[in-house]
Amino acid sequence: MCNAIELVLGHRTAEGFTTEPVLAAHPSLPAIVGYARTGLIRSSQPAEESSETVRARRIAYYRYVAAHAGPVVVVLQDIDSRPGLGAFWGEINVAIHKGLGARGVLTNGSMRDLGAVDPGFQILAGSLSPSHAFVRVEAFDCPVEIFGLKVRPDDLLHADRHGAVMIDPYVALELPRAIDLVTRKEAPVLKAARSPGFTVEKLIEAWGAAEDVH
C-alpha cells in the first residue's frame, strides 16, 4: 500500500503511517479499510464523574460509531501515562462494534479475551491485559495520535498486522491503478530472485524489465 501511495505521489515519504509495532489479534486477516471513528480512553483511575455520566458518554460514543454510512475503522487513543493498563477491547466490545458496522480497531491501548473475540474483527493494539480496570471513554469525535500517526475523524485508513496507513482522498482515486502497476513492476524481480541460478547480472536484467513496465 505504501509503495502504491508513493507511486501516486511521485516520490517517497516518511509520514502518513504508524511508526511503532502493533499487536494483531488475528494476524492472518486481510487488511481493513475504512473511515476513522475516533476517541480517547483511560483506565488507571476511577472516573471522577458519576456512573450515569460515564454510561451516557459511552452510549453517545456507540451512536457516533454507528452513525457513519461507510466502512468504519475505530481509532482509540489511550491517554493514560501507562497506556493499556486496562483493556477496552475484549469479547463484549468487539461484538458490539462489529454489530454496529465497524471492521476493526487501531489502539495504543490493550486487548484481552483473545480466544473468545470474533475472528472476523481485527484488533491492532499496543499490548495485552487480563483486566479492564477502570477503562472508559473520555471523549470521541476528536483528533488522536496512535503509534506516531495523527488521525482525524473521518480520515480514510488502511490497516493490517504491519500497522496503519493514511489514504488521502485524492490518492485513493488513483490507488487501483497504482497497486496494479506496482505488482507488475515487482513481478520480474521476484521471478528472477526465486529462480535457480539467480545472479546479480540476472537481477540487473530483471530491474531493466521492471523499468519497462507501464
N, C-alpha and C. Protein backbone atom coordinates (compact mmCIF):
# COMPACT_ATOMS: atom_id res chain seq x y z
N MET A 1 0.83 -1.20 0.00
CA MET A 1 0.00 0.00 0.00
C MET A 1 0.88 1.27 0.00
N CYS A 2 1.89 1.28 0.85
CA CYS A 2 2.77 2.46 0.89
C CYS A 2 3.49 2.65 -0.44
N ASN A 3 3.90 1.55 -1.09
CA ASN A 3 4.55 1.67 -2.38
C ASN A 3 3.62 2.28 -3.42
N ALA A 4 2.36 1.87 -3.39
CA ALA A 4 1.39 2.40 -4.34
C ALA A 4 1.12 3.88 -4.08
N ILE A 5 1.02 4.26 -2.82
CA ILE A 5 0.80 5.67 -2.48
C ILE A 5 1.97 6.52 -2.98
N GLU A 6 3.19 6.03 -2.78
CA GLU A 6 4.37 6.77 -3.25
C GLU A 6 4.37 6.90 -4.77
N LEU A 7 3.88 5.87 -5.45
CA LEU A 7 3.81 5.94 -6.90
C LEU A 7 2.86 7.06 -7.34
N VAL A 8 1.73 7.18 -6.66
CA VAL A 8 0.78 8.24 -6.98
C VAL A 8 1.37 9.61 -6.67
N LEU A 9 2.05 9.72 -5.52
CA LEU A 9 2.64 11.00 -5.11
C LEU A 9 3.81 11.40 -6.01
N GLY A 10 4.49 10.39 -6.55
CA GLY A 10 5.65 10.67 -7.38
C GLY A 10 6.95 10.78 -6.61
N HIS A 11 6.91 10.43 -5.33
CA HIS A 11 8.13 10.50 -4.51
C HIS A 11 7.93 9.66 -3.25
N ARG A 12 9.03 9.34 -2.58
CA ARG A 12 8.95 8.64 -1.31
C ARG A 12 8.51 9.59 -0.20
N THR A 13 7.98 9.02 0.88
CA THR A 13 7.55 9.85 2.01
C THR A 13 7.82 9.12 3.31
N ALA A 14 8.06 9.89 4.37
CA ALA A 14 8.33 9.31 5.68
C ALA A 14 7.24 9.71 6.68
N GLU A 15 6.04 9.93 6.19
CA GLU A 15 4.93 10.28 7.07
C GLU A 15 3.65 9.66 6.55
N GLY A 16 2.60 9.71 7.39
CA GLY A 16 1.31 9.18 6.98
C GLY A 16 1.10 7.72 7.31
N PHE A 17 1.96 7.17 8.18
CA PHE A 17 1.81 5.78 8.59
C PHE A 17 2.30 5.61 10.03
N THR A 18 1.88 4.53 10.69
CA THR A 18 2.32 4.27 12.06
C THR A 18 3.81 3.96 12.07
N THR A 19 4.46 4.32 13.17
CA THR A 19 5.92 4.16 13.26
C THR A 19 6.34 3.31 14.45
N GLU A 20 5.39 2.63 15.08
CA GLU A 20 5.69 1.75 16.20
C GLU A 20 5.00 0.41 15.97
N PRO A 21 5.53 -0.68 16.59
CA PRO A 21 4.94 -2.01 16.38
C PRO A 21 3.52 -2.10 16.93
N VAL A 22 2.70 -2.94 16.27
CA VAL A 22 1.35 -3.22 16.74
C VAL A 22 1.22 -4.72 16.97
N LEU A 23 0.28 -5.10 17.84
CA LEU A 23 -0.07 -6.50 18.05
C LEU A 23 -1.41 -6.75 17.36
N ALA A 24 -1.47 -7.76 16.51
CA ALA A 24 -2.70 -8.09 15.79
C ALA A 24 -3.40 -9.25 16.47
N ALA A 25 -4.68 -9.08 16.79
CA ALA A 25 -5.44 -10.17 17.38
C ALA A 25 -5.54 -11.34 16.41
N HIS A 26 -5.64 -11.03 15.11
CA HIS A 26 -5.79 -12.06 14.07
C HIS A 26 -4.82 -11.75 12.93
N PRO A 27 -3.57 -12.15 13.04
CA PRO A 27 -2.56 -11.78 12.04
C PRO A 27 -2.88 -12.24 10.62
N SER A 28 -3.68 -13.29 10.47
CA SER A 28 -3.96 -13.80 9.13
C SER A 28 -5.09 -13.07 8.42
N LEU A 29 -5.79 -12.19 9.12
CA LEU A 29 -6.89 -11.46 8.47
C LEU A 29 -6.35 -10.50 7.40
N PRO A 30 -7.11 -10.28 6.34
CA PRO A 30 -6.70 -9.27 5.35
C PRO A 30 -6.81 -7.87 5.94
N ALA A 31 -6.30 -6.90 5.22
CA ALA A 31 -6.32 -5.52 5.69
C ALA A 31 -7.75 -5.03 5.86
N ILE A 32 -7.93 -4.12 6.80
CA ILE A 32 -9.20 -3.43 6.98
C ILE A 32 -9.05 -2.02 6.42
N VAL A 33 -10.09 -1.54 5.76
CA VAL A 33 -10.09 -0.20 5.19
C VAL A 33 -11.39 0.49 5.59
N GLY A 34 -11.28 1.70 6.10
CA GLY A 34 -12.49 2.40 6.49
C GLY A 34 -12.21 3.80 6.98
N TYR A 35 -13.29 4.49 7.34
CA TYR A 35 -13.20 5.87 7.81
C TYR A 35 -13.11 5.88 9.34
N ALA A 36 -12.24 6.74 9.84
CA ALA A 36 -11.93 6.73 11.27
C ALA A 36 -13.07 7.28 12.12
N ARG A 37 -13.43 6.51 13.12
CA ARG A 37 -14.28 6.96 14.23
C ARG A 37 -13.34 7.02 15.43
N THR A 38 -13.09 8.19 15.94
CA THR A 38 -12.01 8.39 16.90
C THR A 38 -12.52 8.60 18.32
N GLY A 39 -11.62 8.34 19.29
CA GLY A 39 -11.97 8.58 20.68
C GLY A 39 -10.77 8.48 21.59
N LEU A 40 -10.98 8.91 22.83
CA LEU A 40 -9.96 8.85 23.88
C LEU A 40 -10.48 7.98 25.01
N ILE A 41 -9.61 7.11 25.55
CA ILE A 41 -9.96 6.27 26.69
C ILE A 41 -8.89 6.38 27.76
N ARG A 42 -9.24 5.98 28.98
CA ARG A 42 -8.27 5.82 30.06
C ARG A 42 -8.80 4.78 31.03
N SER A 43 -7.90 4.22 31.86
CA SER A 43 -8.32 3.12 32.72
C SER A 43 -7.62 3.05 34.08
N SER A 44 -6.65 3.89 34.31
CA SER A 44 -5.81 3.70 35.50
C SER A 44 -6.46 4.13 36.81
N GLN A 45 -7.43 5.06 36.74
CA GLN A 45 -8.07 5.58 37.95
C GLN A 45 -9.59 5.60 37.76
N PRO A 46 -10.34 5.48 38.85
CA PRO A 46 -11.80 5.57 38.74
C PRO A 46 -12.22 6.94 38.20
N ALA A 47 -13.32 6.98 37.53
CA ALA A 47 -13.83 8.24 37.00
C ALA A 47 -14.26 9.16 38.14
N GLU A 48 -14.04 10.45 37.99
CA GLU A 48 -14.50 11.44 38.97
C GLU A 48 -15.95 11.82 38.71
N GLU A 49 -16.45 11.51 37.54
CA GLU A 49 -17.84 11.80 37.20
C GLU A 49 -18.75 10.69 37.71
N SER A 50 -20.03 10.93 37.68
CA SER A 50 -20.99 9.92 38.13
C SER A 50 -21.05 8.77 37.13
N SER A 51 -21.48 7.61 37.61
CA SER A 51 -21.61 6.45 36.73
C SER A 51 -22.62 6.72 35.62
N GLU A 52 -23.63 7.52 35.91
CA GLU A 52 -24.63 7.86 34.89
C GLU A 52 -24.00 8.67 33.76
N THR A 53 -23.12 9.62 34.13
CA THR A 53 -22.45 10.44 33.13
C THR A 53 -21.52 9.60 32.27
N VAL A 54 -20.77 8.70 32.91
CA VAL A 54 -19.85 7.82 32.18
C VAL A 54 -20.61 6.93 31.22
N ARG A 55 -21.72 6.37 31.68
CA ARG A 55 -22.53 5.49 30.84
C ARG A 55 -23.15 6.26 29.68
N ALA A 56 -23.64 7.46 29.95
CA ALA A 56 -24.26 8.27 28.89
C ALA A 56 -23.24 8.60 27.80
N ARG A 57 -22.01 8.89 28.21
CA ARG A 57 -20.97 9.19 27.22
C ARG A 57 -20.66 7.96 26.38
N ARG A 58 -20.62 6.78 27.00
CA ARG A 58 -20.33 5.57 26.24
C ARG A 58 -21.45 5.30 25.23
N ILE A 59 -22.70 5.48 25.65
CA ILE A 59 -23.81 5.28 24.72
C ILE A 59 -23.72 6.27 23.56
N ALA A 60 -23.38 7.52 23.87
CA ALA A 60 -23.23 8.53 22.82
C ALA A 60 -22.09 8.15 21.87
N TYR A 61 -21.03 7.58 22.42
CA TYR A 61 -19.91 7.11 21.60
C TYR A 61 -20.37 5.99 20.66
N TYR A 62 -21.13 5.02 21.19
CA TYR A 62 -21.64 3.94 20.34
C TYR A 62 -22.51 4.50 19.21
N ARG A 63 -23.34 5.48 19.53
CA ARG A 63 -24.17 6.10 18.48
C ARG A 63 -23.29 6.76 17.41
N TYR A 64 -22.23 7.38 17.85
CA TYR A 64 -21.28 8.02 16.93
C TYR A 64 -20.64 6.99 16.00
N VAL A 65 -20.21 5.85 16.55
CA VAL A 65 -19.62 4.79 15.73
C VAL A 65 -20.63 4.30 14.69
N ALA A 66 -21.87 4.12 15.12
CA ALA A 66 -22.90 3.55 14.24
C ALA A 66 -23.40 4.54 13.19
N ALA A 67 -23.15 5.84 13.37
CA ALA A 67 -23.76 6.86 12.52
C ALA A 67 -23.11 6.98 11.15
N HIS A 68 -21.86 6.49 10.99
CA HIS A 68 -21.17 6.66 9.71
C HIS A 68 -21.74 5.68 8.69
N ALA A 69 -22.04 6.19 7.50
CA ALA A 69 -22.68 5.37 6.47
C ALA A 69 -21.69 4.43 5.78
N GLY A 70 -20.41 4.78 5.80
CA GLY A 70 -19.41 3.97 5.11
C GLY A 70 -18.74 2.97 6.03
N PRO A 71 -17.75 2.24 5.54
CA PRO A 71 -16.99 1.31 6.38
C PRO A 71 -16.23 2.07 7.46
N VAL A 72 -16.16 1.49 8.65
CA VAL A 72 -15.59 2.19 9.81
C VAL A 72 -14.39 1.44 10.37
N VAL A 73 -13.33 2.17 10.68
CA VAL A 73 -12.22 1.68 11.49
C VAL A 73 -12.18 2.55 12.74
N VAL A 74 -12.35 1.95 13.90
CA VAL A 74 -12.31 2.70 15.16
C VAL A 74 -10.86 2.97 15.53
N VAL A 75 -10.57 4.19 15.97
CA VAL A 75 -9.21 4.57 16.37
C VAL A 75 -9.31 5.19 17.76
N LEU A 76 -8.87 4.43 18.78
CA LEU A 76 -8.97 4.88 20.17
C LEU A 76 -7.59 5.09 20.77
N GLN A 77 -7.35 6.30 21.24
CA GLN A 77 -6.09 6.62 21.91
C GLN A 77 -6.24 6.47 23.41
N ASP A 78 -5.42 5.63 24.02
CA ASP A 78 -5.36 5.51 25.48
C ASP A 78 -4.48 6.63 26.00
N ILE A 79 -5.05 7.56 26.77
CA ILE A 79 -4.31 8.75 27.18
C ILE A 79 -3.72 8.62 28.58
N ASP A 80 -3.77 7.43 29.18
CA ASP A 80 -3.09 7.22 30.45
C ASP A 80 -1.59 7.34 30.28
N SER A 81 -0.88 7.67 31.36
CA SER A 81 0.58 7.72 31.31
C SER A 81 1.15 6.33 31.06
N ARG A 82 0.37 5.31 31.40
CA ARG A 82 0.75 3.93 31.12
C ARG A 82 -0.35 3.30 30.27
N PRO A 83 -0.35 3.52 28.96
CA PRO A 83 -1.42 3.01 28.10
C PRO A 83 -1.55 1.50 28.19
N GLY A 84 -2.79 1.03 28.19
CA GLY A 84 -3.02 -0.40 28.16
C GLY A 84 -3.16 -1.08 29.50
N LEU A 85 -3.17 -0.33 30.59
CA LEU A 85 -3.33 -0.95 31.90
C LEU A 85 -4.64 -1.73 31.95
N GLY A 86 -5.71 -1.13 31.47
CA GLY A 86 -7.00 -1.81 31.39
C GLY A 86 -7.44 -1.92 29.94
N ALA A 87 -7.99 -3.07 29.57
CA ALA A 87 -8.36 -3.32 28.18
C ALA A 87 -9.80 -2.89 27.89
N PHE A 88 -9.96 -2.02 26.92
CA PHE A 88 -11.30 -1.66 26.43
C PHE A 88 -11.81 -2.74 25.47
N TRP A 89 -10.85 -3.38 24.78
CA TRP A 89 -11.21 -4.32 23.71
C TRP A 89 -11.14 -5.75 24.18
N GLY A 90 -12.31 -6.39 24.23
CA GLY A 90 -12.44 -7.80 24.57
C GLY A 90 -13.67 -8.35 23.87
N GLU A 91 -14.14 -9.49 24.33
CA GLU A 91 -15.24 -10.17 23.66
C GLU A 91 -16.48 -9.28 23.51
N ILE A 92 -16.86 -8.55 24.57
CA ILE A 92 -18.08 -7.76 24.54
C ILE A 92 -17.97 -6.58 23.58
N ASN A 93 -16.93 -5.77 23.73
CA ASN A 93 -16.82 -4.58 22.88
C ASN A 93 -16.57 -4.94 21.42
N VAL A 94 -15.88 -6.03 21.17
CA VAL A 94 -15.72 -6.47 19.78
C VAL A 94 -17.08 -6.82 19.18
N ALA A 95 -17.89 -7.57 19.93
CA ALA A 95 -19.22 -7.94 19.44
C ALA A 95 -20.08 -6.71 19.19
N ILE A 96 -20.04 -5.75 20.12
CA ILE A 96 -20.83 -4.52 19.97
C ILE A 96 -20.39 -3.74 18.73
N HIS A 97 -19.10 -3.52 18.60
CA HIS A 97 -18.60 -2.70 17.49
C HIS A 97 -18.82 -3.38 16.14
N LYS A 98 -18.61 -4.69 16.08
CA LYS A 98 -18.87 -5.38 14.82
C LYS A 98 -20.36 -5.30 14.47
N GLY A 99 -21.21 -5.45 15.48
CA GLY A 99 -22.64 -5.34 15.25
C GLY A 99 -23.06 -3.97 14.77
N LEU A 100 -22.30 -2.94 15.16
CA LEU A 100 -22.60 -1.57 14.74
C LEU A 100 -21.96 -1.21 13.40
N GLY A 101 -21.24 -2.17 12.81
CA GLY A 101 -20.71 -1.96 11.47
C GLY A 101 -19.23 -1.69 11.36
N ALA A 102 -18.50 -1.65 12.48
CA ALA A 102 -17.06 -1.40 12.42
C ALA A 102 -16.33 -2.65 11.91
N ARG A 103 -15.24 -2.42 11.18
CA ARG A 103 -14.45 -3.53 10.64
C ARG A 103 -13.28 -3.91 11.53
N GLY A 104 -12.87 -3.00 12.39
CA GLY A 104 -11.74 -3.28 13.26
C GLY A 104 -11.36 -2.04 14.02
N VAL A 105 -10.27 -2.15 14.79
CA VAL A 105 -9.83 -1.04 15.64
C VAL A 105 -8.32 -0.92 15.62
N LEU A 106 -7.86 0.31 15.72
CA LEU A 106 -6.46 0.63 15.94
C LEU A 106 -6.38 1.36 17.27
N THR A 107 -5.57 0.86 18.21
CA THR A 107 -5.46 1.48 19.52
C THR A 107 -4.07 1.27 20.10
N ASN A 108 -3.59 2.27 20.83
CA ASN A 108 -2.35 2.09 21.58
C ASN A 108 -2.63 1.47 22.94
N GLY A 109 -3.91 1.23 23.24
CA GLY A 109 -4.30 0.55 24.46
C GLY A 109 -4.14 -0.95 24.32
N SER A 110 -4.80 -1.69 25.21
CA SER A 110 -4.63 -3.14 25.23
C SER A 110 -5.88 -3.88 24.78
N MET A 111 -5.73 -5.19 24.63
CA MET A 111 -6.84 -6.07 24.28
C MET A 111 -6.76 -7.31 25.16
N ARG A 112 -7.88 -8.04 25.24
CA ARG A 112 -7.94 -9.28 26.01
C ARG A 112 -8.96 -10.22 25.37
N ASP A 113 -9.21 -11.36 26.01
CA ASP A 113 -10.18 -12.35 25.52
C ASP A 113 -9.81 -12.88 24.13
N LEU A 114 -8.53 -13.06 23.87
CA LEU A 114 -8.12 -13.40 22.51
C LEU A 114 -8.72 -14.71 22.00
N GLY A 115 -9.01 -15.64 22.87
CA GLY A 115 -9.61 -16.89 22.42
C GLY A 115 -11.10 -16.79 22.18
N ALA A 116 -11.69 -15.68 22.59
CA ALA A 116 -13.15 -15.54 22.52
C ALA A 116 -13.62 -14.43 21.59
N VAL A 117 -12.75 -13.50 21.22
CA VAL A 117 -13.19 -12.39 20.37
C VAL A 117 -13.50 -12.90 18.97
N ASP A 118 -14.41 -12.22 18.30
CA ASP A 118 -14.84 -12.59 16.95
C ASP A 118 -13.63 -12.65 16.01
N PRO A 119 -13.42 -13.79 15.34
CA PRO A 119 -12.25 -13.93 14.47
C PRO A 119 -12.31 -13.09 13.20
N GLY A 120 -13.45 -12.47 12.94
CA GLY A 120 -13.57 -11.63 11.76
C GLY A 120 -13.38 -10.15 12.03
N PHE A 121 -13.09 -9.80 13.29
CA PHE A 121 -12.91 -8.40 13.67
C PHE A 121 -11.45 -8.20 14.07
N GLN A 122 -10.76 -7.31 13.37
CA GLN A 122 -9.35 -7.11 13.65
C GLN A 122 -9.12 -6.10 14.77
N ILE A 123 -8.26 -6.48 15.72
CA ILE A 123 -7.80 -5.55 16.76
C ILE A 123 -6.31 -5.36 16.56
N LEU A 124 -5.88 -4.13 16.37
CA LEU A 124 -4.47 -3.78 16.29
C LEU A 124 -4.17 -2.92 17.51
N ALA A 125 -3.49 -3.51 18.48
CA ALA A 125 -3.33 -2.89 19.79
C ALA A 125 -1.87 -2.75 20.17
N GLY A 126 -1.66 -2.06 21.29
CA GLY A 126 -0.30 -1.86 21.77
C GLY A 126 0.17 -2.91 22.74
N SER A 127 -0.79 -3.61 23.42
CA SER A 127 -0.41 -4.58 24.44
C SER A 127 -1.58 -5.49 24.77
N LEU A 128 -1.32 -6.42 25.68
CA LEU A 128 -2.33 -7.33 26.21
C LEU A 128 -2.55 -7.02 27.68
N SER A 129 -3.77 -7.23 28.16
CA SER A 129 -4.08 -7.08 29.59
C SER A 129 -5.19 -8.05 29.96
N PRO A 130 -5.13 -8.66 31.15
CA PRO A 130 -6.21 -9.56 31.55
C PRO A 130 -7.43 -8.83 32.10
N SER A 131 -7.29 -7.54 32.41
CA SER A 131 -8.35 -6.81 33.11
C SER A 131 -8.80 -5.57 32.35
N HIS A 132 -10.05 -5.15 32.62
CA HIS A 132 -10.50 -3.87 32.06
C HIS A 132 -10.21 -2.71 33.01
N ALA A 133 -9.80 -3.03 34.25
CA ALA A 133 -9.50 -1.98 35.24
C ALA A 133 -10.65 -0.97 35.29
N PHE A 134 -10.35 0.33 35.16
CA PHE A 134 -11.39 1.37 35.20
C PHE A 134 -11.63 1.97 33.82
N VAL A 135 -11.48 1.17 32.77
CA VAL A 135 -11.48 1.71 31.42
C VAL A 135 -12.82 2.37 31.08
N ARG A 136 -12.73 3.47 30.38
CA ARG A 136 -13.93 4.23 30.00
C ARG A 136 -13.59 5.17 28.85
N VAL A 137 -14.62 5.61 28.16
CA VAL A 137 -14.47 6.60 27.09
C VAL A 137 -14.44 7.99 27.72
N GLU A 138 -13.41 8.75 27.39
CA GLU A 138 -13.27 10.11 27.91
C GLU A 138 -13.80 11.15 26.93
N ALA A 139 -13.65 10.89 25.64
CA ALA A 139 -14.11 11.82 24.61
C ALA A 139 -14.15 11.06 23.29
N PHE A 140 -14.84 11.62 22.31
CA PHE A 140 -14.88 10.99 20.99
C PHE A 140 -15.11 12.06 19.93
N ASP A 141 -14.94 11.65 18.66
CA ASP A 141 -15.04 12.58 17.53
C ASP A 141 -14.02 13.70 17.67
N CYS A 142 -12.76 13.31 17.92
CA CYS A 142 -11.69 14.27 18.18
C CYS A 142 -10.39 13.77 17.54
N PRO A 143 -9.43 14.66 17.31
CA PRO A 143 -8.13 14.21 16.79
C PRO A 143 -7.43 13.30 17.80
N VAL A 144 -6.74 12.28 17.30
CA VAL A 144 -5.99 11.36 18.16
C VAL A 144 -4.63 11.11 17.52
N GLU A 145 -3.73 10.51 18.30
CA GLU A 145 -2.43 10.09 17.77
C GLU A 145 -2.14 8.69 18.26
N ILE A 146 -1.95 7.76 17.32
CA ILE A 146 -1.72 6.36 17.63
C ILE A 146 -0.43 5.90 16.97
N PHE A 147 0.53 5.46 17.76
CA PHE A 147 1.79 4.92 17.22
C PHE A 147 2.45 5.88 16.23
N GLY A 148 2.42 7.17 16.55
CA GLY A 148 3.06 8.17 15.71
C GLY A 148 2.22 8.67 14.55
N LEU A 149 1.01 8.14 14.39
CA LEU A 149 0.13 8.57 13.30
C LEU A 149 -0.98 9.45 13.84
N LYS A 150 -1.08 10.67 13.34
CA LYS A 150 -2.15 11.58 13.73
C LYS A 150 -3.38 11.32 12.87
N VAL A 151 -4.50 11.07 13.53
CA VAL A 151 -5.73 10.71 12.84
C VAL A 151 -6.85 11.66 13.24
N ARG A 152 -7.58 12.14 12.26
CA ARG A 152 -8.75 12.97 12.50
C ARG A 152 -10.01 12.18 12.19
N PRO A 153 -11.13 12.57 12.76
CA PRO A 153 -12.38 11.89 12.43
C PRO A 153 -12.61 11.86 10.92
N ASP A 154 -13.02 10.72 10.42
CA ASP A 154 -13.36 10.50 9.02
C ASP A 154 -12.16 10.38 8.09
N ASP A 155 -10.93 10.38 8.62
CA ASP A 155 -9.78 10.07 7.78
C ASP A 155 -9.92 8.64 7.25
N LEU A 156 -9.46 8.41 6.04
CA LEU A 156 -9.51 7.08 5.44
C LEU A 156 -8.23 6.32 5.78
N LEU A 157 -8.39 5.12 6.34
CA LEU A 157 -7.25 4.33 6.82
C LEU A 157 -7.22 2.95 6.18
N HIS A 158 -6.02 2.46 5.99
CA HIS A 158 -5.76 1.07 5.60
C HIS A 158 -4.91 0.49 6.72
N ALA A 159 -5.33 -0.62 7.32
CA ALA A 159 -4.61 -1.15 8.47
C ALA A 159 -4.57 -2.68 8.42
N ASP A 160 -3.41 -3.23 8.81
CA ASP A 160 -3.26 -4.67 8.96
C ASP A 160 -2.20 -4.92 10.02
N ARG A 161 -1.68 -6.15 10.09
CA ARG A 161 -0.76 -6.51 11.16
C ARG A 161 0.55 -5.72 11.12
N HIS A 162 0.83 -5.04 10.01
CA HIS A 162 2.04 -4.22 9.91
C HIS A 162 1.85 -2.83 10.50
N GLY A 163 0.59 -2.39 10.64
CA GLY A 163 0.29 -1.05 11.13
C GLY A 163 -0.78 -0.40 10.26
N ALA A 164 -0.84 0.91 10.32
CA ALA A 164 -1.89 1.65 9.60
C ALA A 164 -1.28 2.72 8.70
N VAL A 165 -2.00 3.00 7.60
CA VAL A 165 -1.57 3.99 6.62
C VAL A 165 -2.73 4.93 6.34
N MET A 166 -2.45 6.22 6.31
CA MET A 166 -3.46 7.22 5.95
C MET A 166 -3.57 7.31 4.43
N ILE A 167 -4.80 7.36 3.93
CA ILE A 167 -5.01 7.47 2.49
C ILE A 167 -5.70 8.79 2.18
N ASP A 168 -5.00 9.66 1.49
CA ASP A 168 -5.58 10.93 1.07
C ASP A 168 -6.68 10.67 0.05
N PRO A 169 -7.80 11.39 0.11
CA PRO A 169 -8.90 11.15 -0.85
C PRO A 169 -8.46 11.23 -2.31
N TYR A 170 -7.56 12.16 -2.62
CA TYR A 170 -7.07 12.25 -3.99
C TYR A 170 -6.29 11.00 -4.37
N VAL A 171 -5.43 10.56 -3.46
CA VAL A 171 -4.63 9.37 -3.71
C VAL A 171 -5.52 8.15 -3.88
N ALA A 172 -6.58 8.08 -3.10
CA ALA A 172 -7.47 6.91 -3.13
C ALA A 172 -8.01 6.66 -4.53
N LEU A 173 -8.29 7.70 -5.27
CA LEU A 173 -8.84 7.55 -6.62
C LEU A 173 -7.86 6.87 -7.56
N GLU A 174 -6.57 7.06 -7.31
CA GLU A 174 -5.54 6.52 -8.19
C GLU A 174 -4.98 5.18 -7.71
N LEU A 175 -5.37 4.73 -6.52
CA LEU A 175 -4.75 3.54 -5.94
C LEU A 175 -4.95 2.25 -6.73
N PRO A 176 -6.15 1.97 -7.26
CA PRO A 176 -6.28 0.71 -8.02
C PRO A 176 -5.26 0.60 -9.15
N ARG A 177 -5.09 1.69 -9.90
CA ARG A 177 -4.10 1.68 -10.99
C ARG A 177 -2.69 1.53 -10.44
N ALA A 178 -2.39 2.25 -9.35
CA ALA A 178 -1.05 2.23 -8.79
C ALA A 178 -0.71 0.85 -8.21
N ILE A 179 -1.65 0.23 -7.53
CA ILE A 179 -1.40 -1.11 -6.96
C ILE A 179 -1.12 -2.11 -8.07
N ASP A 180 -1.90 -2.03 -9.15
CA ASP A 180 -1.68 -2.94 -10.28
C ASP A 180 -0.30 -2.72 -10.89
N LEU A 181 0.10 -1.44 -11.02
CA LEU A 181 1.39 -1.14 -11.63
C LEU A 181 2.54 -1.60 -10.73
N VAL A 182 2.44 -1.37 -9.44
CA VAL A 182 3.48 -1.82 -8.51
C VAL A 182 3.62 -3.33 -8.57
N THR A 183 2.51 -4.04 -8.59
CA THR A 183 2.54 -5.50 -8.64
C THR A 183 3.23 -5.99 -9.91
N ARG A 184 2.91 -5.38 -11.05
CA ARG A 184 3.51 -5.80 -12.32
C ARG A 184 4.99 -5.44 -12.40
N LYS A 185 5.38 -4.30 -11.79
CA LYS A 185 6.79 -3.92 -11.79
C LYS A 185 7.63 -4.85 -10.91
N GLU A 186 7.05 -5.32 -9.82
CA GLU A 186 7.79 -6.20 -8.91
C GLU A 186 7.91 -7.63 -9.45
N ALA A 187 6.99 -8.02 -10.33
CA ALA A 187 6.94 -9.40 -10.79
C ALA A 187 8.23 -9.89 -11.44
N PRO A 188 8.88 -9.13 -12.36
CA PRO A 188 10.12 -9.64 -12.97
C PRO A 188 11.24 -9.87 -11.96
N VAL A 189 11.36 -8.98 -10.98
CA VAL A 189 12.42 -9.11 -9.98
C VAL A 189 12.16 -10.32 -9.09
N LEU A 190 10.92 -10.48 -8.64
CA LEU A 190 10.59 -11.61 -7.79
C LEU A 190 10.78 -12.93 -8.52
N LYS A 191 10.36 -12.99 -9.78
CA LYS A 191 10.51 -14.22 -10.55
C LYS A 191 11.98 -14.59 -10.71
N ALA A 192 12.81 -13.61 -11.02
CA ALA A 192 14.24 -13.87 -11.19
C ALA A 192 14.89 -14.30 -9.87
N ALA A 193 14.58 -13.59 -8.79
CA ALA A 193 15.21 -13.87 -7.50
C ALA A 193 14.84 -15.25 -6.97
N ARG A 194 13.67 -15.75 -7.33
CA ARG A 194 13.20 -17.03 -6.83
C ARG A 194 13.53 -18.19 -7.77
N SER A 195 14.21 -17.89 -8.87
CA SER A 195 14.56 -18.93 -9.85
C SER A 195 15.94 -19.50 -9.56
N PRO A 196 16.17 -20.77 -9.90
CA PRO A 196 17.51 -21.35 -9.72
C PRO A 196 18.55 -20.59 -10.54
N GLY A 197 19.77 -20.52 -10.02
CA GLY A 197 20.85 -19.87 -10.75
C GLY A 197 20.78 -18.36 -10.76
N PHE A 198 20.11 -17.78 -9.79
CA PHE A 198 19.98 -16.32 -9.71
C PHE A 198 21.34 -15.68 -9.48
N THR A 199 21.64 -14.60 -10.22
CA THR A 199 22.90 -13.87 -10.09
C THR A 199 22.62 -12.38 -10.10
N VAL A 200 23.64 -11.60 -9.78
CA VAL A 200 23.50 -10.14 -9.82
C VAL A 200 23.21 -9.68 -11.25
N GLU A 201 23.83 -10.36 -12.23
CA GLU A 201 23.57 -9.99 -13.62
C GLU A 201 22.10 -10.20 -13.98
N LYS A 202 21.53 -11.30 -13.50
CA LYS A 202 20.11 -11.54 -13.76
C LYS A 202 19.23 -10.55 -13.02
N LEU A 203 19.70 -10.10 -11.85
CA LEU A 203 18.98 -9.07 -11.13
C LEU A 203 18.95 -7.77 -11.92
N ILE A 204 20.08 -7.39 -12.48
CA ILE A 204 20.16 -6.17 -13.28
C ILE A 204 19.21 -6.27 -14.47
N GLU A 205 19.18 -7.44 -15.10
CA GLU A 205 18.29 -7.66 -16.24
C GLU A 205 16.83 -7.55 -15.82
N ALA A 206 16.51 -8.12 -14.65
CA ALA A 206 15.13 -8.06 -14.16
C ALA A 206 14.73 -6.64 -13.83
N TRP A 207 15.65 -5.87 -13.24
CA TRP A 207 15.36 -4.47 -12.95
C TRP A 207 15.06 -3.70 -14.24
N GLY A 208 15.82 -4.00 -15.28
CA GLY A 208 15.56 -3.35 -16.57
C GLY A 208 14.17 -3.68 -17.09
N ALA A 209 13.77 -4.94 -16.93
CA ALA A 209 12.44 -5.34 -17.37
C ALA A 209 11.36 -4.63 -16.56
N ALA A 210 11.62 -4.46 -15.26
CA ALA A 210 10.66 -3.78 -14.40
C ALA A 210 10.49 -2.32 -14.79
N GLU A 211 11.59 -1.69 -15.18
CA GLU A 211 11.51 -0.28 -15.56
C GLU A 211 10.71 -0.07 -16.85
N ASP A 212 10.59 -1.12 -17.65
CA ASP A 212 9.84 -1.02 -18.90
C ASP A 212 8.35 -1.23 -18.70
N VAL A 213 7.93 -1.61 -17.50
CA VAL A 213 6.50 -1.86 -17.22
C VAL A 213 5.80 -0.53 -16.98
N HIS A 214 4.72 -0.29 -17.67
CA HIS A 214 3.96 0.97 -17.52
C HIS A 214 2.48 0.67 -17.43
